[in-house]
Amino acid sequence: MDGFSIGGRPIGPGEPTYVIAEAGSNHNGDLDTAEELIDVAADAGADAVKFQTFRAEDLYVEDSGEVEYLNDDDSIYDIVEAMEMPYEWIPELHDYCRERGVQFLSTPFDERSAAELAEYVPAWKVASYTSSHHPFLRHLADTDKPIILSTGAHELSEVRESVEVLRDAGATDLALLQCVASYPTPIHEANVGVVETLAREFDVPTGLSDHTLDPVVAPSAAVALGASVVEKHLTLDKTMEGPDHEFALEPDELAEMVTAIRDTELALGSGEKTVLDVERELHEKARRAVHATRDIAADETITSDAVKVLRPGEREAGVEPKHYDDIVGRTAARDISKGDGIQWDDVNE
């Protein structure tokens, strides 16, 4: 599996998980709030802050009715229209992200928004509901930017079609994210194992766009399964007005998530099974070996009552336990004191 880079940041197997703090539309139409979200993400150690760029008229039909999960009497069209991010913010947010040392991303939902973003984002993040919009995928692929594609509310066969469209259009740098389109997602519905399924099926870096309320469990599980990217919604306060605040992480929770991801990476280690430096003392003192349990005279036949498999502690260890049966029955080549580790040159062949 080949990785790629986003703005010089390597993405893929063997690289630190690329953590996206999804600010989305939780700026509530206020530029200062948007910049506060960037501050929180940078302070937490996220790699990128992602907003959403759309225009309601390019996203929903006007008489689109209500969406039950939002618990709002306004139509979904009116709600989305109120969440629009002004295009003139884009260069300001980009510059502020650069100042704070995080990458600026924003999900475009239409060609017009993509054109406004193109100069400022190092990669495209495609929302789940757009991931089967094949004409738009071809449009994004034509820009030669890396693409991170969420897969919520789609079957594996549909994901396969989208991947084929992107590859046929020339997209080479692609990551796929497991996502469940439920806000919030119950932890038992997160289906994090799909991270492995996507990697196996498409041989690309994979990850998780997570909507569970817990800041640690699903992201850490995804990293343990090989996730290269983790995305999670961010808010300044869950009680703020707006549809995406309630299931987003507050600042301390985002920091907890990033710490958990980095600790999980450390815990996974290299995957090479060997004796580590931190094990060295107990490797020498606690691994059992063949030791004399009483004094043994030279030329005496060594019997099972004279030796035992014991931990050596500070003493020099004898031969490994697998050689116990090879020691018993031989004669001693010299006097052996009680407690000594039995060495090969202590016995006659």
Protein backbone atom coordinates (compact mmCIF):
# COMPACT_ATOMS: atom_id res chain seq x y z
CA MET A 1 0.00 0.00 0.00
CA ASP A 2 1.43 3.34 -1.05
CA GLY A 3 0.93 6.47 1.00
CA PHE A 4 1.03 10.08 -0.13
CA SER A 5 1.46 13.52 1.39
CA ILE A 6 -0.83 16.43 2.11
CA GLY A 7 1.03 19.71 2.05
CA GLY A 8 4.26 17.88 2.85
CA ARG A 9 2.70 15.82 5.67
CA PRO A 10 3.11 12.08 4.91
CA ILE A 11 -0.09 10.02 5.09
CA GLY A 12 -0.17 6.23 5.15
CA PRO A 13 1.22 3.09 6.81
CA GLY A 14 4.06 3.76 9.21
CA GLU A 15 3.22 7.46 9.51
CA PRO A 16 1.55 9.18 12.48
CA THR A 17 -2.22 9.28 12.19
CA TYR A 18 -3.40 12.39 10.37
CA VAL A 19 -5.88 13.99 12.80
CA ILE A 20 -8.53 16.26 11.32
CA ALA A 21 -10.47 18.49 13.69
CA GLU A 22 -13.78 18.96 11.90
CA ALA A 23 -14.88 22.53 12.65
CA GLY A 24 -17.53 22.16 9.96
CA SER A 25 -20.11 24.89 10.34
CA ASN A 26 -19.69 25.22 14.10
CA HIS A 27 -18.38 28.75 13.58
CA ASN A 28 -22.06 29.82 13.64
CA GLY A 29 -21.38 32.50 11.06
CA ASP A 30 -18.79 34.29 13.20
CA LEU A 31 -15.19 34.63 12.00
CA ASP A 32 -13.81 35.04 15.52
CA THR A 33 -15.46 31.77 16.52
CA ALA A 34 -13.95 30.09 13.47
CA GLU A 35 -10.50 31.27 14.53
CA GLU A 36 -11.12 30.09 18.09
CA LEU A 37 -11.85 26.64 16.69
CA ILE A 38 -8.52 26.75 14.88
CA ASP A 39 -6.81 27.71 18.15
CA VAL A 40 -8.40 24.78 19.96
CA ALA A 41 -7.37 22.34 17.23
CA ALA A 42 -3.80 23.62 17.16
CA ASP A 43 -3.50 23.52 20.95
CA ALA A 44 -4.81 19.94 20.98
CA GLY A 45 -2.19 18.81 18.47
CA ALA A 46 -4.46 18.17 15.48
CA ASP A 47 -2.83 18.10 12.06
CA ALA A 48 -5.62 19.92 10.22
CA VAL A 49 -8.76 21.95 10.80
CA LYS A 50 -11.55 21.31 8.33
CA PHE A 51 -14.50 23.56 7.61
CA GLN A 52 -17.35 23.05 5.14
CA THR A 53 -17.94 25.23 2.10
CA PHE A 54 -21.31 25.09 0.37
CA ARG A 55 -24.26 27.07 -0.88
CA ALA A 56 -27.72 25.82 0.02
CA GLU A 57 -28.99 26.38 -3.51
CA ASP A 58 -26.33 23.99 -4.82
CA LEU A 59 -27.01 21.41 -2.13
CA TYR A 60 -30.75 20.95 -1.45
CA VAL A 61 -33.94 21.33 -3.38
CA GLU A 62 -35.78 24.34 -2.00
CA ASP A 63 -38.86 22.49 -0.72
CA SER A 64 -36.82 19.80 0.98
CA GLY A 65 -38.79 19.64 4.22
CA GLU A 66 -37.38 18.80 7.62
CA VAL A 67 -34.82 16.30 8.89
CA GLU A 68 -35.89 14.51 12.06
CA TYR A 69 -32.47 14.19 13.70
CA LEU A 70 -31.97 17.97 13.72
CA ASN A 71 -35.00 18.47 15.96
CA ASP A 72 -35.64 21.86 14.33
CA ASP A 73 -38.89 23.24 12.94
CA ASP A 74 -37.05 25.03 10.12
CA SER A 75 -36.64 23.28 6.80
CA ILE A 76 -33.33 21.63 6.08
CA TYR A 77 -32.81 24.13 3.25
CA ASP A 78 -33.15 27.09 5.64
CA ILE A 79 -30.89 25.45 8.21
CA VAL A 80 -28.18 24.78 5.64
CA GLU A 81 -28.48 28.27 4.21
CA ALA A 82 -27.90 29.74 7.68
CA MET A 83 -24.75 27.62 8.05
CA GLU A 84 -23.02 28.84 4.89
CA MET A 85 -19.44 30.03 5.34
CA PRO A 86 -18.65 33.28 3.50
CA TYR A 87 -16.19 32.73 0.68
CA GLU A 88 -14.22 35.79 1.77
CA TRP A 89 -13.27 33.96 4.97
CA ILE A 90 -11.29 31.34 3.07
CA PRO A 91 -7.97 33.18 2.68
CA GLU A 92 -8.20 34.50 6.23
CA LEU A 93 -8.81 31.06 7.71
CA HIS A 94 -6.05 29.60 5.56
CA ASP A 95 -3.58 32.20 6.77
CA TYR A 96 -4.62 31.81 10.38
CA CYS A 97 -4.20 28.03 10.18
CA ARG A 98 -0.72 28.52 8.76
CA GLU A 99 0.06 30.92 11.60
CA ARG A 100 -1.07 28.32 14.15
CA GLY A 101 0.80 25.46 12.48
CA VAL A 102 -2.15 23.38 11.30
CA GLN A 103 -3.33 22.66 7.78
CA PHE A 104 -6.44 24.34 6.45
CA LEU A 105 -9.02 22.09 4.85
CA SER A 106 -12.61 22.65 3.86
CA THR A 107 -15.05 20.23 2.27
CA PRO A 108 -16.54 21.60 -0.96
CA PHE A 109 -20.05 20.47 -1.83
CA ASP A 110 -20.21 21.95 -5.31
CA GLU A 111 -17.99 23.12 -8.16
CA ARG A 112 -18.37 26.78 -7.28
CA SER A 113 -17.17 26.20 -3.72
CA ALA A 114 -14.33 23.98 -4.94
CA ALA A 115 -13.16 26.78 -7.23
CA GLU A 116 -13.10 29.20 -4.28
CA LEU A 117 -11.10 26.73 -2.19
CA ALA A 118 -8.69 25.39 -4.80
CA GLU A 119 -5.92 27.89 -4.14
CA TYR A 120 -6.02 27.36 -0.39
CA VAL A 121 -6.45 23.65 0.39
CA PRO A 122 -3.71 21.02 -0.08
CA ALA A 123 -6.26 18.21 -0.45
CA TRP A 124 -9.96 17.57 -0.94
CA LYS A 125 -12.10 16.05 1.80
CA VAL A 126 -15.26 14.63 0.24
CA ALA A 127 -18.34 14.31 2.46
CA SER A 128 -20.18 11.01 2.64
CA TYR A 129 -23.28 12.30 0.87
CA THR A 130 -21.13 13.52 -2.01
CA SER A 131 -19.09 10.35 -2.37
CA SER A 132 -21.37 8.91 -5.05
CA HIS A 133 -21.64 12.21 -6.97
CA HIS A 134 -19.52 10.89 -9.83
CA PRO A 135 -19.45 14.06 -11.94
CA PHE A 136 -18.20 16.03 -8.94
CA LEU A 137 -15.61 13.36 -8.13
CA ARG A 138 -14.27 13.64 -11.67
CA HIS A 139 -14.14 17.42 -11.25
CA LEU A 140 -12.06 17.10 -8.07
CA ALA A 141 -9.80 14.42 -9.54
CA ASP A 142 -8.96 16.75 -12.39
CA THR A 143 -7.24 19.14 -9.94
CA ASP A 144 -4.53 16.57 -9.05
CA LYS A 145 -4.99 17.14 -5.32
CA PRO A 146 -5.09 14.21 -2.86
CA ILE A 147 -8.62 13.12 -1.97
CA ILE A 148 -9.96 11.85 1.35
CA LEU A 149 -13.36 10.26 0.79
CA SER A 150 -15.87 9.51 3.55
CA THR A 151 -18.14 6.53 2.89
CA GLY A 152 -21.11 6.93 5.25
CA ALA A 153 -24.54 5.78 4.02
CA HIS A 154 -22.98 3.80 1.13
CA GLU A 155 -22.59 0.11 0.39
CA LEU A 156 -19.18 -1.35 -0.38
CA SER A 157 -20.21 -1.80 -4.01
CA GLU A 158 -20.98 1.92 -4.23
CA VAL A 159 -17.62 2.78 -2.69
CA ARG A 160 -16.01 0.56 -5.31
CA GLU A 161 -17.78 2.49 -8.08
CA SER A 162 -16.59 5.81 -6.66
CA VAL A 163 -13.01 4.57 -6.36
CA GLU A 164 -13.10 3.38 -9.96
CA VAL A 165 -14.45 6.77 -11.10
CA LEU A 166 -11.66 8.59 -9.24
CA ARG A 167 -8.94 6.31 -10.54
CA ASP A 168 -10.24 6.50 -14.10
CA ALA A 169 -10.18 10.29 -13.75
CA GLY A 170 -6.52 10.19 -12.75
CA ALA A 171 -6.72 10.37 -8.95
CA THR A 172 -3.74 8.51 -7.48
CA ASP A 173 -3.55 9.86 -3.94
CA LEU A 174 -6.67 8.57 -2.21
CA ALA A 175 -7.73 7.70 1.33
CA LEU A 176 -11.07 6.18 2.34
CA LEU A 177 -12.77 6.79 5.69
CA GLN A 178 -15.26 4.55 7.43
CA CYS A 179 -18.16 6.74 8.52
CA VAL A 180 -21.62 6.14 9.95
CA ALA A 181 -24.14 8.80 8.96
CA SER A 182 -25.82 9.07 12.32
CA TYR A 183 -25.44 12.10 14.57
CA PRO A 184 -24.43 11.00 17.11
CA THR A 185 -23.47 7.42 16.25
CA PRO A 186 -24.11 4.88 19.04
CA ILE A 187 -20.81 3.26 19.95
CA HIS A 188 -22.14 -0.19 19.06
CA GLU A 189 -22.92 1.06 15.53
CA ALA A 190 -19.49 2.58 14.81
CA ASN A 191 -18.40 -0.50 12.85
CA VAL A 192 -14.74 0.49 13.09
CA GLY A 193 -13.66 -2.82 11.58
CA VAL A 194 -14.56 -1.39 8.17
CA VAL A 195 -11.25 0.47 8.38
CA GLU A 196 -9.57 -2.87 7.70
CA THR A 197 -12.15 -3.86 5.09
CA LEU A 198 -11.52 -0.72 3.03
CA ALA A 199 -7.76 -1.18 3.21
CA ARG A 200 -8.04 -4.80 2.11
CA GLU A 201 -10.49 -4.09 -0.70
CA PHE A 202 -8.84 -1.00 -2.19
CA ASP A 203 -5.20 -1.05 -1.04
CA VAL A 204 -5.26 2.61 -0.02
CA PRO A 205 -4.74 4.40 3.29
CA THR A 206 -7.93 4.28 5.35
CA GLY A 207 -9.33 5.87 8.45
CA LEU A 208 -12.37 6.91 10.43
CA SER A 209 -14.71 9.88 10.34
CA ASP A 210 -16.25 9.40 13.75
CA HIS A 211 -19.57 10.69 15.08
CA THR A 212 -19.67 8.82 18.39
CA LEU A 213 -19.78 10.93 21.52
CA ASP A 214 -16.80 9.23 23.15
CA PRO A 215 -13.50 10.95 22.34
CA VAL A 216 -11.30 7.89 22.75
CA VAL A 217 -12.83 4.47 22.04
CA ALA A 218 -13.59 4.52 18.30
CA PRO A 219 -10.58 6.67 17.27
CA SER A 220 -8.17 4.51 19.26
CA ALA A 221 -9.73 1.32 17.90
CA ALA A 222 -9.38 2.67 14.37
CA VAL A 223 -5.70 3.47 14.88
CA ALA A 224 -5.16 -0.01 16.31
CA LEU A 225 -6.67 -1.41 13.10
CA GLY A 226 -4.35 0.64 10.92
CA ALA A 227 -6.17 3.93 10.39
CA SER A 228 -4.03 6.59 8.72
CA VAL A 229 -6.63 9.35 9.16
CA VAL A 230 -9.06 10.17 11.98
CA GLU A 231 -11.62 12.94 11.73
CA LYS A 232 -13.83 14.18 14.55
CA HIS A 233 -16.18 17.16 14.93
CA LEU A 234 -15.08 20.04 17.15
CA THR A 235 -17.05 22.69 19.03
CA LEU A 236 -16.27 25.34 21.59
CA ASP A 237 -19.33 24.32 23.60
CA LYS A 238 -21.87 21.55 23.04
CA THR A 239 -24.67 23.84 24.21
CA MET A 240 -24.14 26.39 21.43
CA GLU A 241 -26.99 26.80 18.95
CA GLY A 242 -26.60 24.88 15.73
CA PRO A 243 -27.15 21.32 14.48
CA ASP A 244 -23.59 20.00 14.78
CA HIS A 245 -22.54 21.16 18.25
CA GLU A 246 -24.24 18.54 20.38
CA PHE A 247 -22.28 15.56 19.02
CA ALA A 248 -18.96 17.40 18.58
CA LEU A 249 -16.00 17.29 20.95
CA GLU A 250 -15.30 20.19 23.29
CA PRO A 251 -11.71 21.46 23.57
CA ASP A 252 -10.64 19.20 26.45
CA GLU A 253 -12.19 16.19 24.72
CA LEU A 254 -10.35 16.92 21.47
CA ALA A 255 -7.07 17.10 23.37
CA GLU A 256 -7.96 13.81 25.06
CA MET A 257 -8.61 12.21 21.68
CA VAL A 258 -5.32 13.35 20.18
CA THR A 259 -3.44 12.12 23.25
CA ALA A 260 -5.22 8.76 23.05
CA ILE A 261 -4.35 8.42 19.36
CA ARG A 262 -0.68 9.20 19.95
CA ASP A 263 -0.57 6.84 22.94
CA THR A 264 -2.19 4.12 20.85
CA GLU A 265 0.47 4.60 18.18
CA LEU A 266 3.16 4.29 20.84
CA ALA A 267 1.54 1.19 22.28
CA LEU A 268 1.38 -0.47 18.86
CA GLY A 269 5.15 -0.16 18.48
CA SER A 270 7.06 -1.55 15.52
CA GLY A 271 5.37 -4.93 15.35
CA GLU A 272 8.78 -6.64 15.51
CA LYS A 273 8.92 -9.24 18.27
CA THR A 274 12.24 -8.92 20.07
CA VAL A 275 13.61 -8.37 23.58
CA LEU A 276 13.30 -4.66 24.27
CA ASP A 277 15.71 -2.57 26.28
CA VAL A 278 13.03 -1.98 28.93
CA GLU A 279 12.84 -5.77 29.40
CA ARG A 280 16.57 -6.33 29.67
CA GLU A 281 16.86 -6.52 33.48
CA LEU A 282 14.06 -9.05 33.88
CA HIS A 283 15.22 -10.90 30.79
CA GLU A 284 18.42 -11.58 32.71
CA LYS A 285 17.00 -11.99 36.23
CA ALA A 286 13.54 -13.51 35.83
CA ARG A 287 13.76 -15.91 32.90
CA ARG A 288 14.12 -19.35 34.37
CA ALA A 289 17.17 -21.55 33.91
CA VAL A 290 18.61 -24.84 35.22
CA HIS A 291 20.18 -24.40 38.68
CA ALA A 292 21.65 -26.70 41.32
CA THR A 293 19.44 -27.19 44.36
CA ARG A 294 22.27 -28.74 46.41
CA ASP A 295 26.01 -29.18 46.19
CA ILE A 296 27.01 -31.59 43.44
CA ALA A 297 30.42 -33.30 43.54
CA ALA A 298 32.64 -33.78 40.52
CA ASP A 299 31.88 -37.06 38.66
CA GLU A 300 28.52 -37.35 40.45
CA THR A 301 25.56 -38.25 38.25
CA ILE A 302 23.18 -35.33 38.19
CA THR A 303 19.70 -36.43 39.29
CA SER A 304 16.39 -34.60 39.19
CA ASP A 305 16.56 -33.91 42.92
CA ALA A 306 19.82 -31.99 42.39
CA VAL A 307 18.63 -29.48 39.81
CA LYS A 308 15.53 -27.36 39.24
CA VAL A 309 14.32 -24.75 36.78
CA LEU A 310 14.50 -21.47 38.72
CA ARG A 311 14.82 -17.73 38.26
CA PRO A 312 18.48 -16.70 38.68
CA GLY A 313 18.04 -13.21 40.13
CA GLU A 314 21.55 -11.80 40.62
CA ARG A 315 23.18 -15.19 40.01
CA GLU A 316 24.56 -16.24 36.64
CA ALA A 317 21.81 -18.10 34.80
CA GLY A 318 22.28 -21.71 33.78
CA VAL A 319 21.22 -23.28 30.50
CA GLU A 320 17.69 -22.70 29.29
CA PRO A 321 14.83 -24.87 30.62
CA LYS A 322 14.51 -26.63 27.28
CA HIS A 323 17.85 -28.35 28.09
CA TYR A 324 16.76 -29.66 31.51
CA ASP A 325 16.35 -33.23 30.27
CA ASP A 326 19.79 -33.04 28.63
CA ILE A 327 21.41 -32.12 31.97
CA VAL A 328 19.73 -34.75 34.14
CA GLY A 329 21.63 -38.06 33.87
CA ARG A 330 25.00 -36.57 32.97
CA THR A 331 27.97 -36.50 35.33
CA ALA A 332 29.36 -33.33 36.80
CA ALA A 333 32.66 -32.18 35.27
CA ARG A 334 33.54 -30.24 38.44
CA ASP A 335 32.19 -29.46 41.86
CA ILE A 336 28.98 -27.44 41.55
CA SER A 337 27.72 -25.36 44.46
CA LYS A 338 24.09 -25.07 45.50
CA GLY A 339 22.40 -22.28 43.54
CA ASP A 340 24.86 -22.28 40.66
CA GLY A 341 23.47 -22.09 37.17
CA ILE A 342 24.40 -25.30 35.36
CA GLN A 343 26.55 -24.52 32.32
CA TRP A 344 27.47 -26.91 29.50
CA ASP A 345 31.09 -27.00 30.66
CA ASP A 346 29.86 -28.08 34.12
CA VAL A 347 28.82 -31.48 32.75
CA ASN A 348 30.45 -34.31 30.86
CA GLU A 349 29.09 -35.41 27.53
